Amino acid sequence: MNPQQFKMEIPWQFYSDEEDKLFDHCQVCGKYLLDEGTDYVVEKAIRSYEGHDFYSTAYEYAICLDCHQDIQKGMSEESMNNLQKYYNEIMAKKEQPLAIDLHHFDLNEWLSKCFFTGKRVDEMKEYQLVAQFSGKQMMLNMPPLVIGETVIEEMAGLLSDKTIDEMNDFRDRFLGPSPDIEELVFGKRLILI
């Protein structure tokens, strides 16, 4: 299969909600992201408001793969092992592997439910969107993921104090201390995939 077929134009769900455009710089080092061959990750935390049919973005960021890997190196070995074991256990139970049938792929349907549990996002109070990109293309060989609130909570419970401190430091330095972020990610809530 042609490698180009494993990419697609960046969908609106992964645009910056704050700036209403593509993320164009790494949140950590400032590297320009939209050049062909520049690999990066976008993560967004989305929350709903009880009693309302309304969602907002609590935080969002883009980070180049070099910075992403540096941040992951700051995670404790205990946390990495716990998260890998958790991921392997979930994947062993899943009926559908981490793969996309490109001939029948419906991005809106794919992003309508938690990848791990199948729970629909319209039934959640919060969830995270994560995807990998190269320049102005979304990479589909590592499909975008919706991570539901239950999985976020379970993953947070697997993190060591050292890793929690690293994530809190990242939040404080690069995401800012807005009330929504404090409420959503205080303590163990920020999960860097």
C-alpha atoms as a PDB file:
ATOM      1  CA  MET A   1       0.000   0.000   0.000  1.00  0.00           C
ATOM      2  CA  ASN A   2       1.225   3.494  -0.790  1.00  0.00           C
ATOM      3  CA  PRO A   3       2.531   5.266   2.367  1.00  0.00           C
ATOM      4  CA  GLN A   4       0.539   8.350   1.327  1.00  0.00           C
ATOM      5  CA  GLN A   5      -2.651   6.347   1.954  1.00  0.00           C
ATOM      6  CA  PHE A   6      -1.763   6.182   5.649  1.00  0.00           C
ATOM      7  CA  LYS A   7      -2.218   9.943   5.926  1.00  0.00           C
ATOM      8  CA  MET A   8      -5.099  12.354   5.606  1.00  0.00           C
ATOM      9  CA  GLU A   9      -5.620  16.092   5.797  1.00  0.00           C
ATOM     10  CA  ILE A  10      -5.812  17.279   9.380  1.00  0.00           C
ATOM     11  CA  PRO A  11      -9.477  17.218  10.440  1.00  0.00           C
ATOM     12  CA  TRP A  12     -11.068  20.142  12.257  1.00  0.00           C
ATOM     13  CA  GLN A  13     -11.217  18.148  15.507  1.00  0.00           C
ATOM     14  CA  PHE A  14      -7.439  18.566  15.776  1.00  0.00           C
ATOM     15  CA  TYR A  15      -7.301  22.290  15.017  1.00  0.00           C
ATOM     16  CA  SER A  16      -6.529  24.640  17.880  1.00  0.00           C
ATOM     17  CA  ASP A  17      -9.865  25.696  19.353  1.00  0.00           C
ATOM     18  CA  GLU A  18      -8.207  28.710  20.942  1.00  0.00           C
ATOM     19  CA  GLU A  19      -6.825  30.022  17.629  1.00  0.00           C
ATOM     20  CA  ASP A  20      -9.217  28.300  15.159  1.00  0.00           C
ATOM     21  CA  LYS A  21      -6.343  27.065  12.972  1.00  0.00           C
ATOM     22  CA  LEU A  22      -3.813  24.258  12.677  1.00  0.00           C
ATOM     23  CA  PHE A  23      -1.331  23.994  15.513  1.00  0.00           C
ATOM     24  CA  ASP A  24       1.843  25.379  13.999  1.00  0.00           C
ATOM     25  CA  HIS A  25       4.465  25.404  16.762  1.00  0.00           C
ATOM     26  CA  CYS A  26       5.622  22.974  19.448  1.00  0.00           C
ATOM     27  CA  GLN A  27       4.333  24.042  22.852  1.00  0.00           C
ATOM     28  CA  VAL A  28       7.693  23.180  24.431  1.00  0.00           C
ATOM     29  CA  CYS A  29      10.525  24.175  22.073  1.00  0.00           C
ATOM     30  CA  GLY A  30       8.692  26.415  19.593  1.00  0.00           C
ATOM     31  CA  LYS A  31       9.656  24.326  16.537  1.00  0.00           C
ATOM     32  CA  TYR A  32       7.537  24.997  13.429  1.00  0.00           C
ATOM     33  CA  LEU A  33       5.366  21.922  12.870  1.00  0.00           C
ATOM     34  CA  LEU A  34       3.759  22.286   9.458  1.00  0.00           C
ATOM     35  CA  ASP A  35       6.795  21.509   7.292  1.00  0.00           C
ATOM     36  CA  GLU A  36       6.596  18.168   5.499  1.00  0.00           C
ATOM     37  CA  GLY A  37       8.291  15.447   7.548  1.00  0.00           C
ATOM     38  CA  THR A  38       7.978  17.263  10.896  1.00  0.00           C
ATOM     39  CA  ASP A  39       6.361  14.768  13.279  1.00  0.00           C
ATOM     40  CA  TYR A  40       4.301  15.846  16.283  1.00  0.00           C
ATOM     41  CA  VAL A  41       1.414  14.947  18.578  1.00  0.00           C
ATOM     42  CA  VAL A  42      -1.732  16.936  19.363  1.00  0.00           C
ATOM     43  CA  GLU A  43      -3.650  16.319  22.547  1.00  0.00           C
ATOM     44  CA  LYS A  44      -6.908  17.961  23.580  1.00  0.00           C
ATOM     45  CA  ALA A  45      -8.986  17.509  26.728  1.00  0.00           C
ATOM     46  CA  ILE A  46     -12.702  17.997  26.135  1.00  0.00           C
ATOM     47  CA  ARG A  47     -15.330  18.389  28.837  1.00  0.00           C
ATOM     48  CA  SER A  48     -19.100  18.650  28.904  1.00  0.00           C
ATOM     49  CA  TYR A  49     -21.324  20.661  31.190  1.00  0.00           C
ATOM     50  CA  GLU A  50     -24.015  18.788  33.053  1.00  0.00           C
ATOM     51  CA  GLY A  51     -27.492  19.634  31.870  1.00  0.00           C
ATOM     52  CA  HIS A  52     -26.224  21.214  28.654  1.00  0.00           C
ATOM     53  CA  ASP A  53     -25.491  19.854  25.204  1.00  0.00           C
ATOM     54  CA  PHE A  54     -22.189  21.717  25.161  1.00  0.00           C
ATOM     55  CA  TYR A  55     -18.520  20.734  25.119  1.00  0.00           C
ATOM     56  CA  SER A  56     -15.455  22.907  25.572  1.00  0.00           C
ATOM     57  CA  THR A  57     -11.734  22.369  25.350  1.00  0.00           C
ATOM     58  CA  ALA A  58     -10.137  22.435  28.797  1.00  0.00           C
ATOM     59  CA  TYR A  59      -6.632  22.313  27.395  1.00  0.00           C
ATOM     60  CA  GLU A  60      -4.897  21.639  24.110  1.00  0.00           C
ATOM     61  CA  TYR A  61      -1.352  21.475  22.886  1.00  0.00           C
ATOM     62  CA  ALA A  62       0.914  20.296  20.094  1.00  0.00           C
ATOM     63  CA  ILE A  63       4.350  18.928  20.854  1.00  0.00           C
ATOM     64  CA  CYS A  64       7.065  17.752  18.470  1.00  0.00           C
ATOM     65  CA  LEU A  65       8.093  14.106  18.760  1.00  0.00           C
ATOM     66  CA  ASP A  66      11.547  15.027  20.089  1.00  0.00           C
ATOM     67  CA  CYS A  67      10.046  16.955  23.011  1.00  0.00           C
ATOM     68  CA  HIS A  68       7.364  14.295  23.498  1.00  0.00           C
ATOM     69  CA  GLN A  69      10.047  11.615  23.816  1.00  0.00           C
ATOM     70  CA  ASP A  70      12.039  13.785  26.243  1.00  0.00           C
ATOM     71  CA  ILE A  71       8.947  14.197  28.426  1.00  0.00           C
ATOM     72  CA  GLN A  72       8.251  10.463  28.329  1.00  0.00           C
ATOM     73  CA  LYS A  73      11.834   9.848  29.492  1.00  0.00           C
ATOM     74  CA  GLY A  74      10.902  11.805  32.618  1.00  0.00           C
ATOM     75  CA  MET A  75       8.275   9.226  33.498  1.00  0.00           C
ATOM     76  CA  SER A  76       9.367   6.704  36.089  1.00  0.00           C
ATOM     77  CA  GLU A  77      10.079   3.135  35.052  1.00  0.00           C
ATOM     78  CA  GLU A  78       7.317   2.053  37.431  1.00  0.00           C
ATOM     79  CA  SER A  79       4.756   4.252  35.639  1.00  0.00           C
ATOM     80  CA  MET A  80       5.875   3.134  32.175  1.00  0.00           C
ATOM     81  CA  ASN A  81       5.646  -0.539  33.181  1.00  0.00           C
ATOM     82  CA  ASN A  82       2.231  -0.048  34.797  1.00  0.00           C
ATOM     83  CA  LEU A  83       0.843   1.763  31.755  1.00  0.00           C
ATOM     84  CA  GLN A  84       2.263  -0.807  29.324  1.00  0.00           C
ATOM     85  CA  LYS A  85       0.742  -3.666  31.335  1.00  0.00           C
ATOM     86  CA  TYR A  86      -2.607  -1.827  31.478  1.00  0.00           C
ATOM     87  CA  TYR A  87      -2.528  -1.206  27.713  1.00  0.00           C
ATOM     88  CA  ASN A  88      -1.653  -4.839  26.972  1.00  0.00           C
ATOM     89  CA  GLU A  89      -4.490  -6.096  29.192  1.00  0.00           C
ATOM     90  CA  ILE A  90      -7.035  -3.832  27.477  1.00  0.00           C
ATOM     91  CA  MET A  91      -5.795  -4.724  23.996  1.00  0.00           C
ATOM     92  CA  ALA A  92      -5.985  -8.450  24.784  1.00  0.00           C
ATOM     93  CA  LYS A  93      -9.698  -8.002  25.590  1.00  0.00           C
ATOM     94  CA  LYS A  94     -10.537  -5.840  22.571  1.00  0.00           C
ATOM     95  CA  GLU A  95     -12.284  -7.457  19.658  1.00  0.00           C
ATOM     96  CA  GLN A  96     -10.952  -4.897  17.187  1.00  0.00           C
ATOM     97  CA  PRO A  97      -7.200  -4.276  16.901  1.00  0.00           C
ATOM     98  CA  LEU A  98      -5.564  -0.861  16.667  1.00  0.00           C
ATOM     99  CA  ALA A  99      -6.080  -0.667  12.917  1.00  0.00           C
ATOM    100  CA  ILE A 100      -8.159   1.265  10.447  1.00  0.00           C
ATOM    101  CA  ASP A 101      -9.825  -0.148   7.360  1.00  0.00           C
ATOM    102  CA  LEU A 102      -8.927   2.715   5.036  1.00  0.00           C
ATOM    103  CA  HIS A 103     -11.603   1.706   2.519  1.00  0.00           C
ATOM    104  CA  HIS A 104     -14.423   2.193   5.039  1.00  0.00           C
ATOM    105  CA  PHE A 105     -12.900   4.657   7.511  1.00  0.00           C
ATOM    106  CA  ASP A 106     -15.341   7.190   9.001  1.00  0.00           C
ATOM    107  CA  LEU A 107     -13.381   9.610  11.181  1.00  0.00           C
ATOM    108  CA  ASN A 108     -16.473  11.027  12.895  1.00  0.00           C
ATOM    109  CA  GLU A 109     -17.619   7.545  13.892  1.00  0.00           C
ATOM    110  CA  TRP A 110     -14.069   6.602  14.983  1.00  0.00           C
ATOM    111  CA  LEU A 111     -13.881   9.697  17.238  1.00  0.00           C
ATOM    112  CA  SER A 112     -17.383   9.235  18.644  1.00  0.00           C
ATOM    113  CA  LYS A 113     -16.329   6.679  21.279  1.00  0.00           C
ATOM    114  CA  CYS A 114     -13.508   5.736  23.595  1.00  0.00           C
ATOM    115  CA  PHE A 115     -11.042   3.535  21.753  1.00  0.00           C
ATOM    116  CA  PHE A 116     -10.499   1.359  24.830  1.00  0.00           C
ATOM    117  CA  THR A 117     -14.023   0.927  26.219  1.00  0.00           C
ATOM    118  CA  GLY A 118     -16.336   1.763  23.306  1.00  0.00           C
ATOM    119  CA  LYS A 119     -18.301   4.215  25.474  1.00  0.00           C
ATOM    120  CA  ARG A 120     -19.687   7.080  23.418  1.00  0.00           C
ATOM    121  CA  VAL A 121     -18.292  10.574  24.030  1.00  0.00           C
ATOM    122  CA  ASP A 122     -21.785  12.030  24.347  1.00  0.00           C
ATOM    123  CA  GLU A 123     -22.152   9.883  27.498  1.00  0.00           C
ATOM    124  CA  MET A 124     -18.940  11.226  29.091  1.00  0.00           C
ATOM    125  CA  LYS A 125     -18.180  14.264  31.213  1.00  0.00           C
ATOM    126  CA  GLU A 126     -14.655  14.437  29.810  1.00  0.00           C
ATOM    127  CA  TYR A 127     -12.347  12.739  27.371  1.00  0.00           C
ATOM    128  CA  GLN A 128      -9.079  13.286  25.573  1.00  0.00           C
ATOM    129  CA  LEU A 129      -8.288  13.326  21.851  1.00  0.00           C
ATOM    130  CA  VAL A 130      -4.776  12.313  20.803  1.00  0.00           C
ATOM    131  CA  ALA A 131      -3.282  11.913  17.336  1.00  0.00           C
ATOM    132  CA  GLN A 132       0.057  11.928  15.560  1.00  0.00           C
ATOM    133  CA  PHE A 133       0.833  14.214  12.619  1.00  0.00           C
ATOM    134  CA  SER A 134       3.503  14.865  10.050  1.00  0.00           C
ATOM    135  CA  GLY A 135       3.466  18.397   8.693  1.00  0.00           C
ATOM    136  CA  LYS A 136      -0.066  19.092   7.445  1.00  0.00           C
ATOM    137  CA  GLN A 137      -1.150  15.425   7.493  1.00  0.00           C
ATOM    138  CA  MET A 138      -2.646  13.198  10.202  1.00  0.00           C
ATOM    139  CA  MET A 139      -0.911   9.827  10.403  1.00  0.00           C
ATOM    140  CA  LEU A 140      -3.298   6.869  10.245  1.00  0.00           C
ATOM    141  CA  ASN A 141      -0.776   4.084  10.837  1.00  0.00           C
ATOM    142  CA  MET A 142      -1.058   5.259  14.481  1.00  0.00           C
ATOM    143  CA  PRO A 143      -4.770   6.119  14.485  1.00  0.00           C
ATOM    144  CA  PRO A 144      -6.230   8.999  16.454  1.00  0.00           C
ATOM    145  CA  LEU A 145      -7.558   7.988  19.843  1.00  0.00           C
ATOM    146  CA  VAL A 146     -10.385   9.039  22.093  1.00  0.00           C
ATOM    147  CA  ILE A 147      -9.491   8.225  25.680  1.00  0.00           C
ATOM    148  CA  GLY A 148     -12.571   8.215  27.886  1.00  0.00           C
ATOM    149  CA  GLU A 149     -12.873   9.442  31.447  1.00  0.00           C
ATOM    150  CA  THR A 150     -12.842   5.940  32.961  1.00  0.00           C
ATOM    151  CA  VAL A 151      -9.593   5.059  31.219  1.00  0.00           C
ATOM    152  CA  ILE A 152      -8.065   8.429  32.170  1.00  0.00           C
ATOM    153  CA  GLU A 153      -8.887   7.735  35.822  1.00  0.00           C
ATOM    154  CA  GLU A 154      -7.540   4.187  35.684  1.00  0.00           C
ATOM    155  CA  MET A 155      -4.330   5.270  33.961  1.00  0.00           C
ATOM    156  CA  ALA A 156      -3.840   8.119  36.436  1.00  0.00           C
ATOM    157  CA  GLY A 157      -4.048   5.624  39.287  1.00  0.00           C
ATOM    158  CA  LEU A 158      -1.077   3.732  37.812  1.00  0.00           C
ATOM    159  CA  LEU A 159       1.309   6.684  37.915  1.00  0.00           C
ATOM    160  CA  SER A 160       4.093   7.043  40.455  1.00  0.00           C
ATOM    161  CA  ASP A 161       4.513  10.217  42.501  1.00  0.00           C
ATOM    162  CA  LYS A 162       7.610  11.028  40.403  1.00  0.00           C
ATOM    163  CA  THR A 163       5.606  10.865  37.175  1.00  0.00           C
ATOM    164  CA  ILE A 164       2.756  12.907  38.651  1.00  0.00           C
ATOM    165  CA  ASP A 165       5.277  15.573  39.631  1.00  0.00           C
ATOM    166  CA  GLU A 166       6.710  15.559  36.073  1.00  0.00           C
ATOM    167  CA  MET A 167       3.227  15.944  34.547  1.00  0.00           C
ATOM    168  CA  ASN A 168       2.307  18.706  36.962  1.00  0.00           C
ATOM    169  CA  ASP A 169       5.535  20.499  36.065  1.00  0.00           C
ATOM    170  CA  PHE A 170       4.701  20.177  32.349  1.00  0.00           C
ATOM    171  CA  ARG A 171       1.203  21.530  33.010  1.00  0.00           C
ATOM    172  CA  ASP A 172       2.472  24.476  35.039  1.00  0.00           C
ATOM    173  CA  ARG A 173       5.221  25.401  32.548  1.00  0.00           C
ATOM    174  CA  PHE A 174       3.414  24.912  29.250  1.00  0.00           C
ATOM    175  CA  LEU A 175      -0.362  24.864  29.713  1.00  0.00           C
ATOM    176  CA  GLY A 176      -0.891  27.581  32.285  1.00  0.00           C
ATOM    177  CA  PRO A 177      -2.967  27.509  35.436  1.00  0.00           C
ATOM    178  CA  SER A 178      -6.480  28.194  34.133  1.00  0.00           C
ATOM    179  CA  PRO A 179      -9.279  27.085  36.509  1.00  0.00           C
ATOM    180  CA  ASP A 180     -10.565  24.517  33.984  1.00  0.00           C
ATOM    181  CA  ILE A 181      -7.135  22.949  33.714  1.00  0.00           C
ATOM    182  CA  GLU A 182      -6.634  22.953  37.471  1.00  0.00           C
ATOM    183  CA  GLU A 183      -9.968  21.207  37.971  1.00  0.00           C
ATOM    184  CA  LEU A 184      -9.467  18.748  35.121  1.00  0.00           C
ATOM    185  CA  VAL A 185      -5.818  17.808  35.541  1.00  0.00           C
ATOM    186  CA  PHE A 186      -4.926  18.599  39.145  1.00  0.00           C
ATOM    187  CA  GLY A 187      -2.897  15.845  40.706  1.00  0.00           C
ATOM    188  CA  LYS A 188      -3.125  12.658  38.674  1.00  0.00           C
ATOM    189  CA  ARG A 189      -5.385  13.812  35.833  1.00  0.00           C
ATOM    190  CA  LEU A 190      -2.905  14.849  33.108  1.00  0.00           C
ATOM    191  CA  ILE A 191      -2.006  11.810  30.997  1.00  0.00           C
ATOM    192  CA  LEU A 192       0.611  12.281  28.304  1.00  0.00           C
ATOM    193  CA  ILE A 193       0.221   9.544  25.729  1.00  0.00           C
END
